Amino acid sequence: MLTVIVILLVVWAILAVVGFAIQGLLWLAIIGIILFVGTLIFGIVRRNANRKKSV
């Protein structure tokens, strides 16, 4: 699961950079940032939930 989250974070970061690099695709940068933050929060929540189950 961690691998999938890391791959998604990389993809969202690339989308954000491409969106900022190409002026007409600013919407792509905004979507990339939103998805990046959402995936990061999801990963942190899942990791904390798994740690609580283990203890």
Protein backbone atom coordinates (compact mmCIF):
# COMPACT_ATOMS: atom_id res chain seq x y z
CA MET A 1 0.00 0.00 0.00
CA LEU A 2 2.86 2.35 0.80
CA THR A 3 4.28 1.87 -2.69
CA VAL A 4 0.99 2.90 -4.30
CA ILE A 5 0.79 6.03 -2.16
CA VAL A 6 4.37 7.02 -3.00
CA ILE A 7 3.74 6.49 -6.72
CA LEU A 8 0.57 8.61 -6.54
CA LEU A 9 2.45 11.37 -4.71
CA VAL A 10 5.10 11.43 -7.44
CA VAL A 11 2.46 11.53 -10.20
CA TRP A 12 0.57 14.38 -8.52
CA ALA A 13 3.79 16.34 -8.01
CA ILE A 14 4.68 15.94 -11.70
CA LEU A 15 1.20 17.11 -12.72
CA ALA A 16 1.57 20.18 -10.51
CA VAL A 17 4.98 21.05 -11.99
CA VAL A 18 3.71 20.62 -15.56
CA GLY A 19 0.69 22.77 -14.74
CA PHE A 20 2.87 25.58 -13.41
CA ALA A 21 5.37 25.27 -16.28
CA ILE A 22 2.71 25.64 -18.97
CA GLN A 23 0.74 28.83 -18.31
CA GLY A 24 -2.49 27.62 -19.89
CA LEU A 25 -2.59 24.55 -17.67
CA LEU A 26 -2.82 26.27 -14.31
CA TRP A 27 -5.90 24.20 -13.55
CA LEU A 28 -3.74 21.08 -13.85
CA ALA A 29 -1.37 22.45 -11.22
CA ILE A 30 -4.25 23.16 -8.86
CA ILE A 31 -5.69 19.66 -9.30
CA GLY A 32 -2.22 18.16 -8.86
CA ILE A 33 -1.69 20.02 -5.59
CA ILE A 34 -5.13 19.05 -4.26
CA LEU A 35 -4.59 15.39 -5.14
CA PHE A 36 -1.07 15.46 -3.68
CA VAL A 37 -2.29 16.81 -0.34
CA GLY A 38 -5.26 14.43 -0.30
CA THR A 39 -3.08 11.40 -0.98
CA LEU A 40 -0.55 12.51 1.63
CA ILE A 41 -3.27 12.88 4.29
CA PHE A 42 -4.79 9.53 3.30
CA GLY A 43 -1.41 7.82 3.62
CA ILE A 44 -0.72 9.33 7.02
CA VAL A 45 -4.16 8.35 8.34
CA ARG A 46 -3.82 4.78 7.04
CA ARG A 47 -0.33 4.43 8.49
CA ASN A 48 -1.47 5.66 11.90
CA ALA A 49 -4.48 3.33 11.84
CA ASN A 50 -2.24 0.35 11.04
CA ARG A 51 0.15 1.25 13.85
CA LYS A 52 -2.71 1.45 16.38
CA LYS A 53 -3.93 -2.01 15.32
CA SER A 54 -0.44 -3.45 15.78
CA VAL A 55 -0.08 -2.16 19.34
